[in-house]
Amino acid sequence: MGDLIIIEAGMRVPADCLLVEGMDISCDETMYEDGTNNVKKTPSYGVEKHVENPDAFLLARSFVRAGSGKALVLAVGKLTRWSK
């Protein structure tokens, strides 16, 4: 993996990703067992900042409700959380 993709409002996230750049991103994750319909996402700034930013992950098939940015692809196809 390791590819960067563009994330924009109105799209479905194509893979499990780590948000590395972006503004005002929120996603609908209701298709996941513990999901909600408006999850705010902020970019990852490394392990040392994880406590300040616990949700930098974009899950495959989530709907991007607002915002835009760039994300690093972590898993595709059968390796995504959706497939499990």
Protein backbone atom coordinates (compact mmCIF):
# COMPACT_ATOMS: atom_id res chain seq x y z
CA MET A 1 0.00 0.00 0.00
CA GLY A 2 1.31 3.44 0.81
CA ASP A 3 -0.53 5.42 -1.89
CA LEU A 4 -1.93 8.88 -1.17
CA ILE A 5 -5.51 9.57 -2.23
CA ILE A 6 -7.63 12.70 -2.31
CA ILE A 7 -10.65 12.74 0.02
CA GLU A 8 -13.58 15.03 -0.80
CA ALA A 9 -17.12 15.61 0.43
CA GLY A 10 -19.66 13.43 -1.35
CA MET A 11 -17.39 10.44 -1.96
CA ARG A 12 -17.14 7.00 -0.38
CA VAL A 13 -13.74 6.21 1.07
CA PRO A 14 -12.29 3.47 -1.20
CA ALA A 15 -9.98 1.84 1.40
CA ASP A 16 -8.99 1.96 5.05
CA CYS A 17 -6.80 5.07 5.30
CA LEU A 18 -4.92 7.36 7.65
CA LEU A 19 -5.77 11.03 7.21
CA VAL A 20 -2.52 12.96 6.78
CA GLU A 21 -3.83 16.32 5.59
CA GLY A 22 -7.25 17.93 5.58
CA MET A 23 -9.79 20.40 6.90
CA ASP A 24 -13.27 20.05 8.40
CA ILE A 25 -13.66 16.38 7.47
CA SER A 26 -16.58 14.41 8.85
CA CYS A 27 -17.74 10.94 7.84
CA ASP A 28 -20.84 8.80 8.12
CA GLU A 29 -19.76 5.45 9.60
CA THR A 30 -23.23 4.04 10.36
CA MET A 31 -22.56 0.93 8.27
CA TYR A 32 -20.13 -0.23 10.98
CA GLU A 33 -21.49 -1.91 14.11
CA ASP A 34 -20.31 0.86 16.44
CA GLY A 35 -20.49 3.68 13.87
CA THR A 36 -22.25 7.03 13.98
CA ASN A 37 -23.43 9.33 11.22
CA ASN A 38 -21.15 12.31 11.89
CA VAL A 39 -17.61 11.43 12.96
CA LYS A 40 -15.13 14.32 12.88
CA LYS A 41 -11.72 13.41 11.48
CA THR A 42 -8.45 15.28 11.91
CA PRO A 43 -5.04 14.53 10.39
CA SER A 44 -2.51 12.29 12.12
CA TYR A 45 0.55 14.05 13.41
CA GLY A 46 2.45 10.97 14.60
CA VAL A 47 2.30 8.59 17.54
CA GLU A 48 3.20 11.25 20.11
CA LYS A 49 0.06 13.25 19.19
CA HIS A 50 -2.36 10.27 19.26
CA VAL A 51 -3.91 11.30 22.59
CA GLU A 52 -4.77 14.72 21.18
CA ASN A 53 -6.15 13.19 17.97
CA PRO A 54 -7.61 9.72 18.56
CA ASP A 55 -9.53 9.50 15.25
CA ALA A 56 -7.44 10.03 12.15
CA PHE A 57 -8.64 6.82 10.47
CA LEU A 58 -10.99 6.75 7.50
CA LEU A 59 -12.78 3.44 7.10
CA ALA A 60 -13.52 1.86 3.72
CA ARG A 61 -17.04 2.56 2.39
CA SER A 62 -17.59 5.45 4.83
CA PHE A 63 -19.36 8.43 3.27
CA VAL A 64 -17.46 11.73 3.45
CA ARG A 65 -20.09 14.27 4.55
CA ALA A 66 -17.87 17.37 4.58
CA GLY A 67 -14.32 18.58 4.03
CA SER A 68 -11.39 17.51 1.92
CA GLY A 69 -7.85 16.28 2.35
CA LYS A 70 -5.28 13.59 1.61
CA ALA A 71 -5.07 10.12 3.12
CA LEU A 72 -2.54 7.31 3.14
CA VAL A 73 -3.99 3.96 2.03
CA LEU A 74 -3.49 1.28 4.71
CA ALA A 75 -5.70 -1.63 3.57
CA VAL A 76 -7.79 -2.57 0.53
CA GLY A 77 -10.23 -5.34 -0.39
CA LYS A 78 -10.41 -8.26 2.04
CA LEU A 79 -7.93 -6.57 4.38
CA THR A 80 -10.26 -3.67 5.25
CA ARG A 81 -12.35 -3.48 8.40
CA TRP A 82 -15.50 -3.65 6.24
CA SER A 83 -14.55 -7.16 5.08
CA LYS A 84 -14.06 -8.50 8.59
